[in-house]
């Protein structure tokens, strides 16, 4: 049986642009694959994966399923292993887990001219912040300032920084802000911080990369004064490119045939 079925799972999932992105790519590549979406809760996830038959090639996972996806995978790529989350599962005799969000952040920043930041600030301390920390480490960052409403919840990022050789400090949003070259915001869409909090972060924050992209500009981007504000659509696009590489080749670094045309077709549907 041909493994031609794929889907994105999450809760909620109706908003996902992944079916549009993947369908556009498969048309260019000539892949006779079908890609759908399904609402799956954390409690349902493991059982739903077990119920998939041999027609399934892979899954894309969005919140809140990335932790669960890591747990069901039999093996993990380096980025999934570091962050403890997987947003991509390659199905077969064994389930392989990948985190393509890390590479998606690197690629999105790179196409906007951000390639080697030394000092970075992360706003938020969740799973996306962990991917962002690994991404900026891969780009050569040596210092990362994490801002969180509850700094005690960022202990995993401090430990991850030690593993990566990156100095991570943690504080609340309203503490004095040092100057950084790049700020990555992984706050939930629609989050609005008080102007008294945003102003010093913006004035000393360099380029803003906000993973939120709908609506755009976000409240944070609208108030940003330190440099350019970049929407998270690029991350969405490039993590999907890396997912398709996984589904096609089992390797997020294996370039697709005529990948420039694939990326252009995907960008056109965003």
Protein backbone atom coordinates (compact mmCIF):
# COMPACT_ATOMS: atom_id res chain seq x y z
CA UNK A 1 0.00 0.00 0.00
CA UNK A 2 1.35 3.43 -0.96
CA UNK A 3 1.89 5.80 1.94
CA UNK A 4 0.17 8.82 0.42
CA UNK A 5 -1.91 10.23 3.28
CA UNK A 6 -0.77 13.13 5.45
CA UNK A 7 -2.45 15.68 7.70
CA UNK A 8 -1.98 18.40 10.25
CA UNK A 9 -3.44 17.73 13.69
CA UNK A 10 -4.07 20.19 16.47
CA UNK A 11 -6.68 21.66 18.80
CA UNK A 12 -7.96 24.02 17.44
CA UNK A 13 -7.09 23.36 13.80
CA UNK A 14 -9.61 25.13 11.52
CA UNK A 15 -7.30 28.15 11.17
CA UNK A 16 -4.31 26.14 9.92
CA UNK A 17 -2.72 27.21 6.63
CA UNK A 18 -0.76 23.95 6.39
CA UNK A 19 -3.15 22.23 3.92
CA UNK A 20 -2.75 25.16 1.51
CA UNK A 21 1.04 25.14 1.83
CA UNK A 22 1.45 21.41 1.40
CA UNK A 23 -1.03 21.13 -1.49
CA UNK A 24 0.82 23.90 -3.36
CA UNK A 25 4.15 22.12 -2.86
CA UNK A 26 2.84 18.70 -3.88
CA UNK A 27 1.46 20.13 -7.14
CA UNK A 28 4.89 21.46 -8.11
CA UNK A 29 6.63 18.26 -7.05
CA UNK A 30 4.11 16.03 -8.81
CA UNK A 31 3.44 14.04 -5.64
CA UNK A 32 0.12 12.19 -5.59
CA UNK A 33 -0.33 12.78 -1.88
CA UNK A 34 -3.36 14.00 0.03
CA UNK A 35 -2.99 16.34 3.00
CA UNK A 36 -5.89 17.10 5.34
CA UNK A 37 -6.51 18.56 8.79
CA UNK A 38 -8.05 17.01 11.89
CA UNK A 39 -8.89 18.30 15.33
CA UNK A 40 -7.23 16.02 17.89
CA UNK A 41 -6.93 16.66 21.62
CA UNK A 42 -3.93 15.78 23.77
CA UNK A 43 -5.91 12.97 25.41
CA UNK A 44 -6.86 11.47 22.04
CA UNK A 45 -3.49 11.81 20.37
CA UNK A 46 -1.62 8.59 21.22
CA UNK A 47 -4.63 6.43 20.41
CA UNK A 48 -5.29 8.29 17.16
CA UNK A 49 -1.70 7.66 16.02
CA UNK A 50 -1.98 3.96 16.87
CA UNK A 51 -5.14 3.73 14.75
CA UNK A 52 -3.45 4.96 11.55
CA UNK A 53 -3.02 2.31 8.87
CA UNK A 54 -0.25 1.76 6.29
CA UNK A 55 -1.69 4.38 3.93
CA UNK A 56 -0.32 7.13 6.20
CA UNK A 57 3.05 8.75 5.44
CA UNK A 58 3.26 11.46 8.09
CA UNK A 59 1.77 14.09 10.35
CA UNK A 60 2.34 17.77 11.01
CA UNK A 61 1.55 18.76 14.58
CA UNK A 62 0.53 22.10 16.01
CA UNK A 63 -0.35 23.10 19.53
CA UNK A 64 -1.00 21.46 21.91
CA UNK A 65 0.31 18.20 20.43
CA UNK A 66 4.05 18.79 20.03
CA UNK A 67 4.92 17.35 23.45
CA UNK A 68 2.73 14.31 22.82
CA UNK A 69 4.28 13.82 19.38
CA UNK A 70 7.73 13.74 20.95
CA UNK A 71 6.57 11.08 23.39
CA UNK A 72 5.09 8.72 20.78
CA UNK A 73 8.12 8.91 18.46
CA UNK A 74 10.59 6.01 18.53
CA UNK A 75 13.47 8.28 17.49
CA UNK A 76 14.13 12.01 17.29
CA UNK A 77 16.28 14.33 15.22
CA UNK A 78 18.77 16.56 17.05
CA UNK A 79 16.44 19.57 17.25
CA UNK A 80 13.56 17.52 18.64
CA UNK A 81 15.90 15.89 21.15
CA UNK A 82 17.15 19.27 22.37
CA UNK A 83 13.73 20.89 22.69
CA UNK A 84 11.68 17.91 23.81
CA UNK A 85 9.01 18.62 21.19
CA UNK A 86 8.21 17.33 17.70
CA UNK A 87 6.06 19.06 15.10
CA UNK A 88 6.60 16.39 12.42
CA UNK A 89 6.16 12.62 12.51
CA UNK A 90 7.37 10.33 9.71
CA UNK A 91 5.34 7.13 9.92
CA UNK A 92 6.49 3.62 9.07
CA UNK A 93 7.69 0.57 10.96
CA UNK A 94 9.14 3.12 13.39
CA UNK A 95 7.83 6.59 14.11
CA UNK A 96 10.48 9.26 13.57
CA UNK A 97 10.04 12.65 15.25
CA UNK A 98 11.43 15.95 14.00
CA UNK A 99 11.34 19.58 15.09
CA UNK A 100 11.35 21.67 11.91
CA UNK A 101 10.38 24.86 13.76
CA UNK A 102 14.06 25.43 14.62
CA UNK A 103 15.18 25.41 11.00
CA UNK A 104 12.09 27.38 10.03
CA UNK A 105 13.13 30.20 12.35
CA UNK A 106 16.70 30.18 11.03
CA UNK A 107 15.50 30.25 7.41
CA UNK A 108 12.91 32.98 8.02
CA UNK A 109 15.43 35.21 9.76
CA UNK A 110 18.06 34.55 7.11
CA UNK A 111 15.83 35.65 4.24
CA UNK A 112 15.32 38.91 6.15
CA UNK A 113 19.06 39.50 6.53
CA UNK A 114 19.38 38.33 10.15
CA UNK A 115 22.14 35.74 10.09
CA UNK A 116 24.50 36.01 13.08
CA UNK A 117 23.02 37.74 16.14
CA UNK A 118 25.12 37.66 19.29
CA UNK A 119 22.70 39.09 21.86
CA UNK A 120 19.04 38.01 21.63
CA UNK A 121 15.91 38.52 23.72
CA UNK A 122 13.10 35.95 23.86
CA UNK A 123 9.63 37.05 24.94
CA UNK A 124 7.83 34.03 26.36
CA UNK A 125 9.10 30.76 27.81
CA UNK A 126 7.07 27.98 26.16
CA UNK A 127 7.82 25.34 23.54
CA UNK A 128 8.33 27.87 20.75
CA UNK A 129 10.82 29.75 22.91
CA UNK A 130 12.83 26.54 23.24
CA UNK A 131 12.90 26.18 19.46
CA UNK A 132 13.91 29.83 19.14
CA UNK A 133 16.73 29.34 21.65
CA UNK A 134 18.14 26.41 19.66
CA UNK A 135 17.72 28.39 16.44
CA UNK A 136 19.70 31.41 17.63
CA UNK A 137 22.32 29.09 19.12
CA UNK A 138 22.70 27.49 15.67
CA UNK A 139 23.14 31.03 14.31
CA UNK A 140 25.96 31.77 16.78
CA UNK A 141 24.22 33.69 19.56
CA UNK A 142 26.12 33.74 22.83
CA UNK A 143 23.72 35.63 25.12
CA UNK A 144 19.95 35.27 25.44
CA UNK A 145 17.70 37.32 27.73
CA UNK A 146 14.40 35.52 28.40
CA UNK A 147 11.41 37.56 29.55
CA UNK A 148 8.51 35.70 31.13
CA UNK A 149 5.53 36.57 33.29
CA UNK A 150 6.65 33.80 35.64
CA UNK A 151 10.45 33.50 35.48
CA UNK A 152 10.37 30.29 37.53
CA UNK A 153 8.78 28.56 34.53
CA UNK A 154 11.84 29.28 32.37
CA UNK A 155 14.21 26.95 34.23
CA UNK A 156 14.15 24.51 31.29
CA UNK A 157 15.44 27.27 29.00
CA UNK A 158 18.31 27.99 31.38
CA UNK A 159 19.22 24.29 31.39
CA UNK A 160 18.93 24.15 27.60
CA UNK A 161 21.20 27.19 27.32
CA UNK A 162 23.84 25.44 29.43
CA UNK A 163 23.68 22.43 27.12
CA UNK A 164 24.06 24.69 24.09
CA UNK A 165 26.83 26.84 25.56
CA UNK A 166 24.60 29.93 25.55
CA UNK A 167 24.33 32.26 28.56
CA UNK A 168 20.62 32.52 29.40
CA UNK A 169 19.26 35.03 31.91
CA UNK A 170 15.62 35.18 32.94
CA UNK A 171 13.58 38.11 34.23
CA UNK A 172 10.09 39.59 34.15
CA UNK A 173 8.91 41.78 31.27
CA UNK A 174 9.21 45.03 33.21
CA UNK A 175 12.82 44.77 34.37
CA UNK A 176 15.39 47.12 32.75
CA UNK A 177 16.33 46.06 29.22
CA UNK A 178 19.84 45.78 27.85
CA UNK A 179 20.44 46.33 24.12
CA UNK A 180 20.10 43.26 21.88
CA UNK A 181 20.28 42.78 18.12
CA UNK A 182 17.22 40.56 17.83
CA UNK A 183 14.00 40.03 19.79
CA UNK A 184 11.91 36.91 19.17
CA UNK A 185 8.37 37.02 20.53
CA UNK A 186 6.62 33.68 21.03
CA UNK A 187 3.63 35.14 22.87
CA UNK A 188 0.11 33.90 22.01
CA UNK A 189 -1.55 35.75 19.15
CA UNK A 190 -3.44 38.81 20.33
CA UNK A 191 -1.23 39.36 23.40
CA UNK A 192 -1.02 43.08 24.23
CA UNK A 193 1.62 44.24 26.70
CA UNK A 194 1.35 47.56 28.56
CA UNK A 195 3.05 50.44 26.77
CA UNK A 196 5.29 50.98 29.80
CA UNK A 197 6.59 47.43 29.30
CA UNK A 198 6.86 47.51 25.51
CA UNK A 199 8.67 50.84 25.20
CA UNK A 200 12.03 49.88 26.78
CA UNK A 201 11.96 46.44 25.14
CA UNK A 202 11.29 48.05 21.76
CA UNK A 203 13.84 50.84 22.14
CA UNK A 204 16.60 48.35 22.96
CA UNK A 205 15.30 45.30 21.09
CA UNK A 206 16.80 45.49 17.60
CA UNK A 207 14.89 43.56 14.93
CA UNK A 208 11.60 42.01 16.10
CA UNK A 209 10.64 38.53 14.89
CA UNK A 210 7.08 37.91 16.07
CA UNK A 211 5.89 34.34 15.55
CA UNK A 212 2.33 35.72 15.53
CA UNK A 213 1.12 36.71 12.07
CA UNK A 214 -2.65 37.10 12.25
CA UNK A 215 -3.67 39.84 12.54
CA UNK A 216 -0.60 41.69 11.28
CA UNK A 217 0.87 43.93 12.39
CA UNK A 218 0.52 42.49 15.88
CA UNK A 219 0.09 44.82 18.83
CA UNK A 220 3.77 44.31 19.62
CA UNK A 221 4.89 44.99 16.04
CA UNK A 222 2.81 48.17 15.91
CA UNK A 223 4.66 49.53 18.94
CA UNK A 224 8.14 48.41 17.86
CA UNK A 225 10.73 51.18 17.53
CA UNK A 226 14.06 49.36 17.78
CA UNK A 227 14.19 48.08 14.21
CA UNK A 228 12.27 46.14 11.56
CA UNK A 229 9.30 43.99 12.64
CA UNK A 230 9.08 40.60 10.87
CA UNK A 231 5.92 38.46 10.91
CA UNK A 232 5.96 34.75 11.68
CA UNK A 233 4.61 33.73 8.26
CA UNK A 234 8.17 33.07 7.13
CA UNK A 235 8.65 30.58 9.94
CA UNK A 236 5.36 28.89 8.99
CA UNK A 237 6.51 28.63 5.38
CA UNK A 238 10.03 27.38 6.00
CA UNK A 239 9.16 24.86 8.71
CA UNK A 240 6.67 23.41 6.21
CA UNK A 241 9.38 23.19 3.54
CA UNK A 242 11.50 21.21 5.97
CA UNK A 243 8.51 18.98 6.81
CA UNK A 244 8.05 18.18 3.14
CA UNK A 245 11.75 17.31 2.91
CA UNK A 246 11.15 14.87 5.79
CA UNK A 247 8.10 13.35 4.10
CA UNK A 248 9.97 13.03 0.78
CA UNK A 249 13.47 12.04 1.93
CA UNK A 250 13.37 11.41 5.68
CA UNK A 251 15.80 14.29 6.17
CA UNK A 252 14.88 17.96 6.90
CA UNK A 253 18.16 19.07 5.29
CA UNK A 254 17.69 17.20 1.97
CA UNK A 255 16.77 19.84 -0.61
CA UNK A 256 13.67 19.15 -2.72
CA UNK A 257 13.76 18.99 -6.55
CA UNK A 258 13.35 22.55 -7.92
CA UNK A 259 12.95 23.80 -4.38
CA UNK A 260 12.90 27.47 -5.40
CA UNK A 261 9.73 26.83 -7.44
CA UNK A 262 8.23 24.86 -4.55
CA UNK A 263 8.86 27.71 -2.10
CA UNK A 264 7.46 30.27 -4.56
CA UNK A 265 4.25 28.26 -4.98
CA UNK A 266 3.87 27.91 -1.21
CA UNK A 267 4.49 31.60 -0.63
CA UNK A 268 1.85 32.48 -3.22
CA UNK A 269 -0.94 30.81 -1.20
CA UNK A 270 -0.15 32.50 2.10
